[in-house]
C-alpha cells in the first residue's frame, strides 16, 4: 500500500470550505481511481490541513496524480492558502491498523 500526503497552509476561516471540498471532490476521485481510503486532518486554529490518501500500489497512486493536482489547486484556493504551495510527499505504508 502507498500513501500521498498533502499539507496545505490555509486560513482558519476557510476550514469548513476545505472539509466540504474534500468530501465532495477528493473522496469521489479516490473511489473512482482505485484508492483505498483517505483521511483529512485540520487544525482549526491555524487553518493548516493534512490530507492522506491511500492506494493499493504505487502505480495506482501515480495514475491519479494529474487529477489530484487539479483538486489540490482548487482546494488550496478555497482554503485561502498562503503563498506557500501545498506540500506533497509520497510514502510506502509500512504498518496500517484500522
C-alpha atoms as a PDB file:
ATOM      1  CA  UNK A   1       0.000   0.000   0.000  1.00  0.00           C
ATOM      2  CA  UNK A   2       1.100   3.580  -0.699  1.00  0.00           C
ATOM      3  CA  UNK A   3       0.089   6.998   0.635  1.00  0.00           C
ATOM      4  CA  UNK A   4       0.170  10.500  -0.757  1.00  0.00           C
ATOM      5  CA  UNK A   5       0.379  13.135   1.981  1.00  0.00           C
ATOM      6  CA  UNK A   6      -0.545  16.729   1.169  1.00  0.00           C
ATOM      7  CA  UNK A   7      -0.044  19.629   3.585  1.00  0.00           C
ATOM      8  CA  UNK A   8      -1.864  22.906   2.945  1.00  0.00           C
ATOM      9  CA  UNK A   9      -1.483  26.132   4.930  1.00  0.00           C
ATOM     10  CA  UNK A  10      -4.923  27.720   4.703  1.00  0.00           C
ATOM     11  CA  UNK A  11      -6.873  30.209   6.767  1.00  0.00           C
ATOM     12  CA  UNK A  12      -8.878  29.236   9.865  1.00  0.00           C
ATOM     13  CA  UNK A  13     -11.963  30.947   8.421  1.00  0.00           C
ATOM     14  CA  UNK A  14     -11.933  28.635   5.391  1.00  0.00           C
ATOM     15  CA  UNK A  15     -11.525  25.321   7.259  1.00  0.00           C
ATOM     16  CA  UNK A  16     -15.166  24.313   6.721  1.00  0.00           C
ATOM     17  CA  UNK A  17     -14.862  25.016   2.993  1.00  0.00           C
ATOM     18  CA  UNK A  18     -11.778  22.789   2.857  1.00  0.00           C
ATOM     19  CA  UNK A  19     -13.590  19.976   4.647  1.00  0.00           C
ATOM     20  CA  UNK A  20     -16.580  20.225   2.311  1.00  0.00           C
ATOM     21  CA  UNK A  21     -14.302  20.275  -0.726  1.00  0.00           C
ATOM     22  CA  UNK A  22     -12.541  17.132   0.489  1.00  0.00           C
ATOM     23  CA  UNK A  23     -15.851  15.303   0.965  1.00  0.00           C
ATOM     24  CA  UNK A  24     -17.403  16.450  -2.307  1.00  0.00           C
ATOM     25  CA  UNK A  25     -14.404  16.210  -4.633  1.00  0.00           C
ATOM     26  CA  UNK A  26     -11.480  14.251  -3.211  1.00  0.00           C
ATOM     27  CA  UNK A  27     -13.369  11.262  -1.789  1.00  0.00           C
ATOM     28  CA  UNK A  28     -15.204  10.531  -5.070  1.00  0.00           C
ATOM     29  CA  UNK A  29     -11.929  10.846  -7.002  1.00  0.00           C
ATOM     30  CA  UNK A  30     -10.277   8.354  -4.639  1.00  0.00           C
ATOM     31  CA  UNK A  31     -13.067   5.826  -5.203  1.00  0.00           C
ATOM     32  CA  UNK A  32     -13.137   6.363  -8.988  1.00  0.00           C
ATOM     33  CA  UNK A  33      -9.393   5.917  -9.411  1.00  0.00           C
ATOM     34  CA  UNK A  34      -8.915   2.810  -7.273  1.00  0.00           C
ATOM     35  CA  UNK A  35      -7.880   4.390  -3.983  1.00  0.00           C
ATOM     36  CA  UNK A  36      -8.329   2.575  -0.677  1.00  0.00           C
ATOM     37  CA  UNK A  37      -9.227   5.458   1.621  1.00  0.00           C
ATOM     38  CA  UNK A  38      -8.492   8.974   2.769  1.00  0.00           C
ATOM     39  CA  UNK A  39      -8.003  10.977   5.946  1.00  0.00           C
ATOM     40  CA  UNK A  40      -8.251  14.743   6.385  1.00  0.00           C
ATOM     41  CA  UNK A  41      -6.665  16.373   9.427  1.00  0.00           C
ATOM     42  CA  UNK A  42      -7.451  20.043  10.168  1.00  0.00           C
ATOM     43  CA  UNK A  43      -6.057  22.460  12.731  1.00  0.00           C
ATOM     44  CA  UNK A  44      -8.954  24.904  13.008  1.00  0.00           C
ATOM     45  CA  UNK A  45      -6.839  27.457  14.900  1.00  0.00           C
ATOM     46  CA  UNK A  46      -4.145  27.794  12.223  1.00  0.00           C
ATOM     47  CA  UNK A  47      -6.019  26.642   9.112  1.00  0.00           C
ATOM     48  CA  UNK A  48      -3.377  24.036   8.339  1.00  0.00           C
ATOM     49  CA  UNK A  49      -4.651  20.825   6.799  1.00  0.00           C
ATOM     50  CA  UNK A  50      -3.082  17.430   6.083  1.00  0.00           C
ATOM     51  CA  UNK A  51      -4.732  15.047   3.626  1.00  0.00           C
ATOM     52  CA  UNK A  52      -3.613  11.431   3.430  1.00  0.00           C
ATOM     53  CA  UNK A  53      -4.848   9.294   0.556  1.00  0.00           C
ATOM     54  CA  UNK A  54      -4.248   5.554   0.470  1.00  0.00           C
ATOM     55  CA  UNK A  55      -3.561   3.498  -2.649  1.00  0.00           C
ATOM     56  CA  UNK A  56      -3.177  -0.253  -3.216  1.00  0.00           C
ATOM     57  CA  UNK A  57       0.139   0.244  -5.037  1.00  0.00           C
ATOM     58  CA  UNK A  58       2.458   2.937  -6.364  1.00  0.00           C
ATOM     59  CA  UNK A  59       1.202   2.543  -9.944  1.00  0.00           C
ATOM     60  CA  UNK A  60      -2.399   3.328  -8.978  1.00  0.00           C
ATOM     61  CA  UNK A  61      -1.267   6.278  -6.881  1.00  0.00           C
ATOM     62  CA  UNK A  62       0.817   7.709  -9.738  1.00  0.00           C
ATOM     63  CA  UNK A  63      -2.043   7.228 -12.208  1.00  0.00           C
ATOM     64  CA  UNK A  64      -4.199   9.570 -10.086  1.00  0.00           C
ATOM     65  CA  UNK A  65      -1.588  12.367  -9.952  1.00  0.00           C
ATOM     66  CA  UNK A  66      -2.981  14.613 -12.691  1.00  0.00           C
ATOM     67  CA  UNK A  67      -6.484  14.745 -11.229  1.00  0.00           C
ATOM     68  CA  UNK A  68      -5.080  15.060  -7.696  1.00  0.00           C
ATOM     69  CA  UNK A  69      -3.005  18.080  -8.799  1.00  0.00           C
ATOM     70  CA  UNK A  70      -6.144  19.800 -10.129  1.00  0.00           C
ATOM     71  CA  UNK A  71      -8.104  19.115  -6.953  1.00  0.00           C
ATOM     72  CA  UNK A  72      -5.186  20.270  -4.798  1.00  0.00           C
ATOM     73  CA  UNK A  73      -5.015  23.625  -6.592  1.00  0.00           C
ATOM     74  CA  UNK A  74      -8.767  24.127  -6.188  1.00  0.00           C
ATOM     75  CA  UNK A  75      -8.693  23.153  -2.508  1.00  0.00           C
ATOM     76  CA  UNK A  76      -5.757  25.461  -1.777  1.00  0.00           C
ATOM     77  CA  UNK A  77      -7.671  28.382  -3.272  1.00  0.00           C
ATOM     78  CA  UNK A  78     -10.852  27.555  -1.349  1.00  0.00           C
ATOM     79  CA  UNK A  79      -8.932  27.199   1.913  1.00  0.00           C
ATOM     80  CA  UNK A  80      -7.321  30.604   1.480  1.00  0.00           C
ATOM     81  CA  UNK A  81      -3.892  29.021   1.195  1.00  0.00           C
ATOM     82  CA  UNK A  82      -0.996  31.311   1.864  1.00  0.00           C
ATOM     83  CA  UNK A  83       1.687  31.999  -0.751  1.00  0.00           C
ATOM     84  CA  UNK A  84       3.221  28.664   0.240  1.00  0.00           C
ATOM     85  CA  UNK A  85       2.394  25.912  -2.255  1.00  0.00           C
ATOM     86  CA  UNK A  86       0.818  22.747  -0.871  1.00  0.00           C
ATOM     87  CA  UNK A  87       3.492  20.229   0.029  1.00  0.00           C
ATOM     88  CA  UNK A  88       3.111  16.726  -1.395  1.00  0.00           C
ATOM     89  CA  UNK A  89       5.014  13.659  -0.208  1.00  0.00           C
ATOM     90  CA  UNK A  90       4.623  10.014  -1.179  1.00  0.00           C
ATOM     91  CA  UNK A  91       5.301   7.027   1.045  1.00  0.00           C
ATOM     92  CA  UNK A  92       5.063   3.282   1.195  1.00  0.00           C
ATOM     93  CA  UNK A  93       2.733   2.314   4.046  1.00  0.00           C
ATOM     94  CA  UNK A  94       4.769   0.055   6.305  1.00  0.00           C
ATOM     95  CA  UNK A  95       2.112  -0.522   9.000  1.00  0.00           C
ATOM     96  CA  UNK A  96      -1.638   0.090   8.917  1.00  0.00           C
ATOM     97  CA  UNK A  97      -4.057  -0.777  11.729  1.00  0.00           C
ATOM     98  CA  UNK A  98      -7.720   0.183  11.380  1.00  0.00           C
END
